[in-house]
Amino acid sequence: MPASTVAACYGLIDTRFGTVAAWLNAAGALLRLEFNVERELERAHLKGTLRDDAALGEVARQLQEYQAGTRREFTLALAPDGSTFQHQVWAELCRIPYGSTISYGELARRVGDPGAARAVGRANATNPIALIVPCHRVIGSDGKLTGYAGGLPLKAALLQFEMSHTPPALFL
């Protein structure tokens, strides 16, 4: 495993959506952010030292701004472990506007492979930086909520929160 994907430290951050665990590499880039804290702490390859770190403080600050409704995009350094295709999908997820949703099929089209909705779904499901890389903004082609690592109630809460903090469009 490359050094850039090895956790140097982790911290627990309380949010309105529950406690999240954040893991950083030695350079301070975010490797993983998870709501299922107990499950994630058991993952041996993500163990690190629990400590107060300036980069962890920045993660906490940006999460606080998000939950206050004042941050719509995160500007954290990210270093998720994944394939080239996964990184393509995750980068495209970051382009979905706050308070908006798209389908898996649309996401596949945006990454240049319209027939890859299932592969996009798998990449979405393995997104290690949920919320920061907003996989909760992807829904089924029928408009229904589908899988989310944090659970469908959390996905619904995140979407409802974002939609309630999005100003209405202006009509000219």
N, C-alpha and C. Protein backbone atom coordinates (compact mmCIF):
# COMPACT_ATOMS: atom_id res chain seq x y z
N MET A 1 0.85 -1.18 0.00
CA MET A 1 0.00 0.00 0.00
C MET A 1 0.89 1.24 0.00
N PRO A 2 0.68 2.19 -0.93
CA PRO A 2 1.50 3.40 -0.97
C PRO A 2 1.40 4.18 0.34
N ALA A 3 2.49 4.85 0.69
CA ALA A 3 2.52 5.62 1.93
C ALA A 3 1.43 6.68 1.97
N SER A 4 1.05 7.20 0.81
CA SER A 4 0.02 8.25 0.78
C SER A 4 -1.35 7.74 1.19
N THR A 5 -1.54 6.39 1.19
CA THR A 5 -2.84 5.83 1.57
C THR A 5 -2.81 5.16 2.94
N VAL A 6 -1.72 5.36 3.69
CA VAL A 6 -1.61 4.79 5.03
C VAL A 6 -1.98 5.88 6.04
N ALA A 7 -2.88 5.53 6.95
CA ALA A 7 -3.34 6.50 7.94
C ALA A 7 -2.26 6.79 8.97
N ALA A 8 -2.02 8.06 9.21
CA ALA A 8 -1.08 8.49 10.23
C ALA A 8 -1.82 8.84 11.51
N CYS A 9 -3.04 9.33 11.36
CA CYS A 9 -3.83 9.68 12.54
C CYS A 9 -5.30 9.67 12.18
N TYR A 10 -6.12 9.61 13.19
CA TYR A 10 -7.56 9.71 12.98
C TYR A 10 -8.17 10.48 14.13
N GLY A 11 -9.35 10.98 13.90
CA GLY A 11 -10.06 11.69 14.94
C GLY A 11 -11.55 11.47 14.81
N LEU A 12 -12.25 11.70 15.88
CA LEU A 12 -13.71 11.58 15.90
C LEU A 12 -14.30 12.98 15.96
N ILE A 13 -15.29 13.21 15.12
CA ILE A 13 -15.89 14.54 15.00
C ILE A 13 -17.40 14.40 15.15
N ASP A 14 -17.97 15.14 16.07
CA ASP A 14 -19.43 15.12 16.26
C ASP A 14 -20.08 16.08 15.27
N THR A 15 -21.12 15.59 14.61
CA THR A 15 -21.89 16.42 13.68
C THR A 15 -23.37 16.23 13.99
N ARG A 16 -24.20 17.05 13.41
CA ARG A 16 -25.65 16.91 13.60
C ARG A 16 -26.16 15.61 13.01
N PHE A 17 -25.36 14.99 12.14
CA PHE A 17 -25.75 13.74 11.49
C PHE A 17 -25.14 12.52 12.17
N GLY A 18 -24.43 12.72 13.26
CA GLY A 18 -23.79 11.63 13.99
C GLY A 18 -22.29 11.84 14.06
N THR A 19 -21.63 10.98 14.82
CA THR A 19 -20.18 11.06 14.96
C THR A 19 -19.53 10.45 13.73
N VAL A 20 -18.55 11.16 13.18
CA VAL A 20 -17.79 10.64 12.06
C VAL A 20 -16.35 10.39 12.50
N ALA A 21 -15.73 9.44 11.86
CA ALA A 21 -14.31 9.19 12.05
C ALA A 21 -13.60 9.66 10.79
N ALA A 22 -12.51 10.40 10.98
CA ALA A 22 -11.73 10.90 9.85
C ALA A 22 -10.29 10.41 9.99
N TRP A 23 -9.76 9.85 8.90
CA TRP A 23 -8.38 9.38 8.87
C TRP A 23 -7.58 10.23 7.91
N LEU A 24 -6.38 10.63 8.32
CA LEU A 24 -5.49 11.45 7.50
C LEU A 24 -4.18 10.71 7.27
N ASN A 25 -3.55 10.98 6.12
CA ASN A 25 -2.21 10.43 5.90
C ASN A 25 -1.19 11.39 6.52
N ALA A 26 0.10 11.06 6.39
CA ALA A 26 1.15 11.86 7.01
C ALA A 26 1.20 13.28 6.45
N ALA A 27 0.75 13.47 5.22
CA ALA A 27 0.74 14.79 4.61
C ALA A 27 -0.49 15.61 5.01
N GLY A 28 -1.39 15.01 5.77
CA GLY A 28 -2.59 15.72 6.21
C GLY A 28 -3.77 15.63 5.26
N ALA A 29 -3.66 14.77 4.23
CA ALA A 29 -4.77 14.59 3.29
C ALA A 29 -5.76 13.58 3.85
N LEU A 30 -7.03 13.83 3.61
CA LEU A 30 -8.10 12.97 4.10
C LEU A 30 -8.16 11.67 3.30
N LEU A 31 -8.04 10.55 4.01
CA LEU A 31 -8.12 9.22 3.39
C LEU A 31 -9.52 8.65 3.45
N ARG A 32 -10.19 8.90 4.56
CA ARG A 32 -11.48 8.26 4.80
C ARG A 32 -12.28 9.11 5.78
N LEU A 33 -13.60 9.13 5.58
CA LEU A 33 -14.52 9.79 6.50
C LEU A 33 -15.75 8.91 6.56
N GLU A 34 -16.06 8.41 7.73
CA GLU A 34 -17.14 7.43 7.86
C GLU A 34 -18.07 7.75 9.01
N PHE A 35 -19.35 7.50 8.76
CA PHE A 35 -20.35 7.64 9.81
C PHE A 35 -20.46 6.39 10.66
N ASN A 36 -20.19 5.23 10.11
CA ASN A 36 -20.27 3.96 10.85
C ASN A 36 -18.97 3.77 11.62
N VAL A 37 -18.79 4.57 12.65
CA VAL A 37 -17.52 4.67 13.36
C VAL A 37 -17.04 3.33 13.91
N GLU A 38 -17.89 2.60 14.58
CA GLU A 38 -17.45 1.35 15.21
C GLU A 38 -16.93 0.37 14.17
N ARG A 39 -17.65 0.23 13.06
CA ARG A 39 -17.23 -0.69 12.01
C ARG A 39 -15.90 -0.25 11.41
N GLU A 40 -15.77 1.03 11.17
CA GLU A 40 -14.57 1.52 10.51
C GLU A 40 -13.33 1.45 11.40
N LEU A 41 -13.50 1.65 12.70
CA LEU A 41 -12.34 1.59 13.59
C LEU A 41 -11.75 0.19 13.65
N GLU A 42 -12.55 -0.81 13.28
CA GLU A 42 -12.05 -2.18 13.28
C GLU A 42 -11.19 -2.50 12.07
N ARG A 43 -11.20 -1.68 11.07
CA ARG A 43 -10.42 -1.95 9.85
C ARG A 43 -8.94 -1.76 10.16
N ALA A 44 -8.19 -2.83 10.15
CA ALA A 44 -6.78 -2.80 10.54
C ALA A 44 -5.95 -1.83 9.71
N HIS A 45 -6.19 -1.77 8.41
CA HIS A 45 -5.36 -0.91 7.57
C HIS A 45 -5.63 0.57 7.77
N LEU A 46 -6.63 0.91 8.55
CA LEU A 46 -6.91 2.32 8.80
C LEU A 46 -6.64 2.72 10.24
N LYS A 47 -6.05 1.85 11.02
CA LYS A 47 -5.72 2.24 12.38
C LYS A 47 -4.62 3.29 12.33
N GLY A 48 -4.66 4.18 13.25
CA GLY A 48 -3.66 5.23 13.35
C GLY A 48 -3.65 5.71 14.77
N THR A 49 -3.05 6.83 15.00
CA THR A 49 -2.99 7.40 16.33
C THR A 49 -4.09 8.44 16.46
N LEU A 50 -4.90 8.28 17.49
CA LEU A 50 -5.94 9.28 17.76
C LEU A 50 -5.23 10.50 18.34
N ARG A 51 -5.32 11.62 17.64
CA ARG A 51 -4.63 12.81 18.13
C ARG A 51 -5.27 14.06 17.58
N ASP A 52 -4.95 15.15 18.23
CA ASP A 52 -5.40 16.46 17.77
C ASP A 52 -4.39 16.92 16.73
N ASP A 53 -4.83 17.13 15.53
CA ASP A 53 -3.95 17.48 14.43
C ASP A 53 -4.57 18.70 13.75
N ALA A 54 -3.74 19.61 13.27
CA ALA A 54 -4.26 20.81 12.61
C ALA A 54 -5.15 20.44 11.43
N ALA A 55 -4.74 19.43 10.66
CA ALA A 55 -5.54 19.01 9.51
C ALA A 55 -6.88 18.44 9.97
N LEU A 56 -6.89 17.70 11.09
CA LEU A 56 -8.16 17.20 11.63
C LEU A 56 -9.04 18.37 12.05
N GLY A 57 -8.41 19.39 12.59
CA GLY A 57 -9.16 20.59 12.97
C GLY A 57 -9.81 21.25 11.76
N GLU A 58 -9.12 21.22 10.63
CA GLU A 58 -9.68 21.80 9.40
C GLU A 58 -10.85 20.96 8.90
N VAL A 59 -10.74 19.64 9.00
CA VAL A 59 -11.87 18.76 8.63
C VAL A 59 -13.07 19.10 9.50
N ALA A 60 -12.84 19.21 10.81
CA ALA A 60 -13.93 19.52 11.74
C ALA A 60 -14.54 20.89 11.44
N ARG A 61 -13.69 21.88 11.15
CA ARG A 61 -14.19 23.23 10.85
C ARG A 61 -15.08 23.22 9.61
N GLN A 62 -14.63 22.55 8.55
CA GLN A 62 -15.43 22.53 7.33
C GLN A 62 -16.73 21.74 7.51
N LEU A 63 -16.69 20.68 8.31
CA LEU A 63 -17.93 19.95 8.61
C LEU A 63 -18.90 20.82 9.41
N GLN A 64 -18.36 21.61 10.36
CA GLN A 64 -19.22 22.51 11.13
C GLN A 64 -19.86 23.56 10.23
N GLU A 65 -19.09 24.08 9.28
CA GLU A 65 -19.64 25.06 8.34
C GLU A 65 -20.72 24.42 7.46
N TYR A 66 -20.48 23.20 7.04
CA TYR A 66 -21.48 22.48 6.23
C TYR A 66 -22.78 22.33 7.01
N GLN A 67 -22.67 21.87 8.26
CA GLN A 67 -23.89 21.63 9.03
C GLN A 67 -24.56 22.94 9.47
N ALA A 68 -23.85 24.04 9.40
CA ALA A 68 -24.45 25.35 9.67
C ALA A 68 -25.12 25.91 8.41
N GLY A 69 -24.91 25.23 7.29
CA GLY A 69 -25.50 25.67 6.03
C GLY A 69 -24.70 26.74 5.31
N THR A 70 -23.47 27.00 5.78
CA THR A 70 -22.65 28.05 5.17
C THR A 70 -21.58 27.52 4.22
N ARG A 71 -21.37 26.22 4.17
CA ARG A 71 -20.39 25.63 3.25
C ARG A 71 -21.11 24.69 2.30
N ARG A 72 -20.88 24.90 1.01
CA ARG A 72 -21.50 24.05 0.00
C ARG A 72 -20.48 23.17 -0.71
N GLU A 73 -19.20 23.52 -0.65
CA GLU A 73 -18.12 22.73 -1.23
C GLU A 73 -17.01 22.62 -0.21
N PHE A 74 -16.38 21.46 -0.19
CA PHE A 74 -15.25 21.24 0.72
C PHE A 74 -13.95 21.50 -0.04
N THR A 75 -12.97 22.04 0.67
CA THR A 75 -11.68 22.36 0.06
C THR A 75 -10.54 21.62 0.74
N LEU A 76 -10.82 20.44 1.22
CA LEU A 76 -9.82 19.63 1.92
C LEU A 76 -8.94 18.89 0.92
N ALA A 77 -7.69 18.63 1.31
CA ALA A 77 -6.82 17.75 0.52
C ALA A 77 -7.33 16.32 0.70
N LEU A 78 -7.52 15.62 -0.41
CA LEU A 78 -8.06 14.26 -0.37
C LEU A 78 -7.06 13.27 -0.95
N ALA A 79 -7.01 12.07 -0.38
CA ALA A 79 -6.12 11.01 -0.89
C ALA A 79 -6.79 9.65 -0.74
N PRO A 80 -8.00 9.48 -1.31
CA PRO A 80 -8.67 8.18 -1.17
C PRO A 80 -7.96 7.11 -2.00
N ASP A 81 -7.94 5.91 -1.47
CA ASP A 81 -7.35 4.78 -2.18
C ASP A 81 -8.40 4.21 -3.13
N GLY A 82 -8.07 4.09 -4.41
CA GLY A 82 -9.01 3.55 -5.37
C GLY A 82 -8.41 3.44 -6.75
N SER A 83 -9.15 2.82 -7.65
CA SER A 83 -8.71 2.65 -9.03
C SER A 83 -8.87 3.97 -9.80
N THR A 84 -8.31 4.00 -10.99
CA THR A 84 -8.45 5.18 -11.85
C THR A 84 -9.92 5.47 -12.11
N PHE A 85 -10.70 4.43 -12.40
CA PHE A 85 -12.13 4.62 -12.66
C PHE A 85 -12.84 5.16 -11.42
N GLN A 86 -12.54 4.60 -10.25
CA GLN A 86 -13.15 5.11 -9.02
C GLN A 86 -12.83 6.58 -8.82
N HIS A 87 -11.58 6.95 -9.04
CA HIS A 87 -11.19 8.36 -8.89
C HIS A 87 -11.94 9.25 -9.87
N GLN A 88 -12.16 8.76 -11.09
CA GLN A 88 -12.96 9.50 -12.08
C GLN A 88 -14.37 9.75 -11.56
N VAL A 89 -14.98 8.69 -11.05
CA VAL A 89 -16.35 8.79 -10.53
C VAL A 89 -16.37 9.73 -9.33
N TRP A 90 -15.44 9.57 -8.41
CA TRP A 90 -15.42 10.41 -7.21
C TRP A 90 -15.22 11.88 -7.57
N ALA A 91 -14.36 12.15 -8.57
CA ALA A 91 -14.16 13.54 -9.00
C ALA A 91 -15.46 14.12 -9.57
N GLU A 92 -16.18 13.30 -10.32
CA GLU A 92 -17.45 13.77 -10.90
C GLU A 92 -18.50 13.99 -9.82
N LEU A 93 -18.48 13.17 -8.77
CA LEU A 93 -19.40 13.37 -7.65
C LEU A 93 -19.23 14.77 -7.06
N CYS A 94 -17.98 15.22 -6.99
CA CYS A 94 -17.70 16.54 -6.41
C CYS A 94 -18.23 17.68 -7.28
N ARG A 95 -18.61 17.39 -8.51
CA ARG A 95 -19.16 18.41 -9.41
C ARG A 95 -20.68 18.51 -9.32
N ILE A 96 -21.31 17.60 -8.59
CA ILE A 96 -22.77 17.67 -8.44
C ILE A 96 -23.07 18.82 -7.48
N PRO A 97 -23.84 19.80 -7.90
CA PRO A 97 -24.09 20.96 -7.04
C PRO A 97 -24.80 20.58 -5.73
N TYR A 98 -24.47 21.31 -4.72
CA TYR A 98 -25.10 21.22 -3.41
C TYR A 98 -26.62 21.31 -3.59
N GLY A 99 -27.34 20.41 -2.95
CA GLY A 99 -28.80 20.44 -3.01
C GLY A 99 -29.38 19.82 -4.26
N SER A 100 -28.54 19.28 -5.14
CA SER A 100 -29.00 18.66 -6.39
C SER A 100 -28.79 17.15 -6.33
N THR A 101 -29.49 16.44 -7.20
CA THR A 101 -29.28 15.00 -7.34
C THR A 101 -29.19 14.65 -8.81
N ILE A 102 -28.50 13.54 -9.10
CA ILE A 102 -28.47 12.98 -10.44
C ILE A 102 -28.61 11.46 -10.30
N SER A 103 -28.91 10.80 -11.40
CA SER A 103 -29.04 9.34 -11.39
C SER A 103 -27.68 8.69 -11.64
N TYR A 104 -27.62 7.39 -11.35
CA TYR A 104 -26.40 6.63 -11.64
C TYR A 104 -26.12 6.65 -13.14
N GLY A 105 -27.17 6.57 -13.95
CA GLY A 105 -27.00 6.62 -15.40
C GLY A 105 -26.42 7.94 -15.86
N GLU A 106 -26.90 9.03 -15.28
CA GLU A 106 -26.37 10.35 -15.62
C GLU A 106 -24.91 10.46 -15.18
N LEU A 107 -24.59 9.93 -14.02
CA LEU A 107 -23.21 9.95 -13.54
C LEU A 107 -22.32 9.15 -14.50
N ALA A 108 -22.79 8.00 -14.96
CA ALA A 108 -22.04 7.20 -15.94
C ALA A 108 -21.80 8.00 -17.21
N ARG A 109 -22.84 8.69 -17.68
CA ARG A 109 -22.70 9.52 -18.88
C ARG A 109 -21.65 10.60 -18.66
N ARG A 110 -21.66 11.22 -17.48
CA ARG A 110 -20.71 12.30 -17.19
C ARG A 110 -19.27 11.82 -17.11
N VAL A 111 -19.05 10.55 -16.75
CA VAL A 111 -17.68 10.04 -16.73
C VAL A 111 -17.29 9.43 -18.08
N GLY A 112 -18.17 9.57 -19.07
CA GLY A 112 -17.84 9.15 -20.42
C GLY A 112 -18.16 7.72 -20.78
N ASP A 113 -18.97 7.04 -19.96
CA ASP A 113 -19.32 5.65 -20.24
C ASP A 113 -20.79 5.43 -19.91
N PRO A 114 -21.69 5.84 -20.82
CA PRO A 114 -23.13 5.79 -20.54
C PRO A 114 -23.67 4.42 -20.15
N GLY A 115 -23.00 3.36 -20.54
CA GLY A 115 -23.48 2.02 -20.21
C GLY A 115 -22.95 1.48 -18.89
N ALA A 116 -22.25 2.30 -18.14
CA ALA A 116 -21.57 1.83 -16.93
C ALA A 116 -22.28 2.23 -15.64
N ALA A 117 -23.60 2.30 -15.66
CA ALA A 117 -24.32 2.72 -14.45
C ALA A 117 -24.03 1.80 -13.27
N ARG A 118 -23.94 0.49 -13.51
CA ARG A 118 -23.66 -0.44 -12.40
C ARG A 118 -22.24 -0.25 -11.87
N ALA A 119 -21.27 -0.07 -12.76
CA ALA A 119 -19.89 0.15 -12.33
C ALA A 119 -19.78 1.46 -11.56
N VAL A 120 -20.51 2.47 -12.01
CA VAL A 120 -20.55 3.75 -11.30
C VAL A 120 -21.16 3.54 -9.92
N GLY A 121 -22.21 2.72 -9.85
CA GLY A 121 -22.83 2.42 -8.56
C GLY A 121 -21.86 1.75 -7.61
N ARG A 122 -21.03 0.84 -8.13
CA ARG A 122 -20.03 0.18 -7.28
C ARG A 122 -18.99 1.19 -6.80
N ALA A 123 -18.54 2.06 -7.70
CA ALA A 123 -17.57 3.09 -7.30
C ALA A 123 -18.18 4.01 -6.25
N ASN A 124 -19.45 4.33 -6.44
CA ASN A 124 -20.16 5.17 -5.48
C ASN A 124 -20.22 4.48 -4.12
N ALA A 125 -20.52 3.18 -4.14
CA ALA A 125 -20.66 2.41 -2.89
C ALA A 125 -19.34 2.27 -2.15
N THR A 126 -18.23 2.36 -2.86
CA THR A 126 -16.92 2.21 -2.21
C THR A 126 -16.25 3.56 -1.94
N ASN A 127 -16.98 4.64 -2.12
CA ASN A 127 -16.45 5.97 -1.84
C ASN A 127 -16.03 6.05 -0.37
N PRO A 128 -14.72 6.21 -0.11
CA PRO A 128 -14.27 6.22 1.28
C PRO A 128 -14.42 7.56 1.99
N ILE A 129 -14.85 8.58 1.27
CA ILE A 129 -14.95 9.91 1.87
C ILE A 129 -16.37 10.43 1.69
N ALA A 130 -17.32 9.65 2.17
CA ALA A 130 -18.73 10.02 2.07
C ALA A 130 -18.95 11.40 2.69
N LEU A 131 -19.87 12.13 2.16
CA LEU A 131 -20.24 13.49 2.50
C LEU A 131 -19.29 14.49 1.84
N ILE A 132 -17.98 14.37 2.06
CA ILE A 132 -17.03 15.28 1.43
C ILE A 132 -17.05 15.05 -0.09
N VAL A 133 -17.02 13.78 -0.49
CA VAL A 133 -17.25 13.38 -1.88
C VAL A 133 -18.71 12.95 -1.89
N PRO A 134 -19.61 13.81 -2.35
CA PRO A 134 -21.05 13.69 -2.06
C PRO A 134 -21.80 12.60 -2.82
N CYS A 135 -21.52 11.36 -2.49
CA CYS A 135 -22.22 10.23 -3.13
C CYS A 135 -23.69 10.18 -2.73
N HIS A 136 -24.06 10.89 -1.67
CA HIS A 136 -25.47 10.92 -1.27
C HIS A 136 -26.34 11.65 -2.28
N ARG A 137 -25.73 12.36 -3.21
CA ARG A 137 -26.49 13.11 -4.22
C ARG A 137 -26.85 12.27 -5.45
N VAL A 138 -26.54 10.98 -5.41
CA VAL A 138 -26.87 10.10 -6.54
C VAL A 138 -28.06 9.23 -6.15
N ILE A 139 -29.05 9.22 -7.03
CA ILE A 139 -30.30 8.48 -6.78
C ILE A 139 -30.60 7.55 -7.95
N GLY A 140 -31.57 6.69 -7.77
CA GLY A 140 -31.98 5.78 -8.82
C GLY A 140 -32.61 6.52 -9.99
N SER A 141 -32.64 5.88 -11.15
CA SER A 141 -33.22 6.51 -12.34
C SER A 141 -34.71 6.80 -12.17
N ASP A 142 -35.34 6.10 -11.22
CA ASP A 142 -36.76 6.33 -10.94
C ASP A 142 -36.98 7.42 -9.90
N GLY A 143 -35.89 8.07 -9.47
CA GLY A 143 -35.99 9.14 -8.49
C GLY A 143 -35.97 8.67 -7.05
N LYS A 144 -35.88 7.35 -6.84
CA LYS A 144 -35.88 6.82 -5.47
C LYS A 144 -34.47 6.79 -4.90
N LEU A 145 -34.41 6.89 -3.58
CA LEU A 145 -33.14 6.77 -2.89
C LEU A 145 -32.68 5.33 -2.96
N THR A 146 -31.41 5.15 -3.26
CA THR A 146 -30.82 3.81 -3.27
C THR A 146 -29.60 3.84 -2.38
N GLY A 147 -28.99 2.71 -2.15
CA GLY A 147 -27.91 2.49 -1.20
C GLY A 147 -27.06 3.67 -0.78
N TYR A 148 -26.68 3.65 0.45
CA TYR A 148 -25.77 4.62 1.03
C TYR A 148 -25.10 3.93 2.21
N ALA A 149 -23.78 4.00 2.28
CA ALA A 149 -23.04 3.30 3.33
C ALA A 149 -23.50 3.70 4.73
N GLY A 150 -23.91 4.94 4.90
CA GLY A 150 -24.40 5.41 6.19
C GLY A 150 -25.85 5.06 6.45
N GLY A 151 -26.51 4.43 5.46
CA GLY A 151 -27.91 4.05 5.58
C GLY A 151 -28.82 5.05 4.86
N LEU A 152 -29.94 4.55 4.37
CA LEU A 152 -30.88 5.41 3.64
C LEU A 152 -31.46 6.55 4.48
N PRO A 153 -31.74 6.34 5.79
CA PRO A 153 -32.22 7.47 6.58
C PRO A 153 -31.22 8.64 6.62
N LEU A 154 -29.92 8.32 6.70
CA LEU A 154 -28.91 9.38 6.69
C LEU A 154 -28.85 10.05 5.32
N LYS A 155 -28.91 9.26 4.25
CA LYS A 155 -28.91 9.83 2.90
C LYS A 155 -30.09 10.80 2.74
N ALA A 156 -31.27 10.37 3.17
CA ALA A 156 -32.46 11.23 3.09
C ALA A 156 -32.27 12.50 3.91
N ALA A 157 -31.69 12.37 5.10
CA ALA A 157 -31.48 13.54 5.97
C ALA A 157 -30.49 14.52 5.33
N LEU A 158 -29.42 14.00 4.73
CA LEU A 158 -28.44 14.87 4.08
C LEU A 158 -29.07 15.62 2.91
N LEU A 159 -29.82 14.91 2.09
CA LEU A 159 -30.47 15.55 0.94
C LEU A 159 -31.49 16.59 1.39
N GLN A 160 -32.29 16.24 2.38
CA GLN A 160 -33.29 17.18 2.90
C GLN A 160 -32.60 18.42 3.47
N PHE A 161 -31.52 18.21 4.21
CA PHE A 161 -30.77 19.32 4.78
C PHE A 161 -30.26 20.25 3.68
N GLU A 162 -29.62 19.67 2.66
CA GLU A 162 -29.07 20.49 1.58
C GLU A 162 -30.18 21.24 0.83
N MET A 163 -31.27 20.55 0.56
CA MET A 163 -32.36 21.20 -0.18
C MET A 163 -32.99 22.33 0.63
N SER A 164 -33.01 22.18 1.95
CA SER A 164 -33.58 23.24 2.79
C SER A 164 -32.64 24.43 2.93
N HIS A 165 -31.36 24.26 2.56
CA HIS A 165 -30.38 25.34 2.64
C HIS A 165 -29.98 25.85 1.26
N THR A 166 -30.76 25.51 0.25
CA THR A 166 -30.47 25.96 -1.11
C THR A 166 -31.47 27.04 -1.49
N PRO A 167 -30.97 28.22 -1.85
CA PRO A 167 -31.91 29.28 -2.23
C PRO A 167 -32.69 28.89 -3.48
N PRO A 168 -33.93 29.35 -3.60
CA PRO A 168 -34.72 29.02 -4.79
C PRO A 168 -34.12 29.67 -6.03
N ALA A 169 -34.31 29.02 -7.17
CA ALA A 169 -33.82 29.57 -8.43
C ALA A 169 -34.62 30.82 -8.78
N LEU A 170 -33.96 31.75 -9.38
CA LEU A 170 -34.63 32.99 -9.80
C LEU A 170 -35.09 32.84 -11.24
N PHE A 171 -36.27 33.28 -11.49
CA PHE A 171 -36.80 33.24 -12.85
C PHE A 171 -36.78 34.65 -13.41
N LEU A 172 -36.28 34.78 -14.62
CA LEU A 172 -36.21 36.11 -15.25
C LEU A 172 -37.40 36.35 -16.14
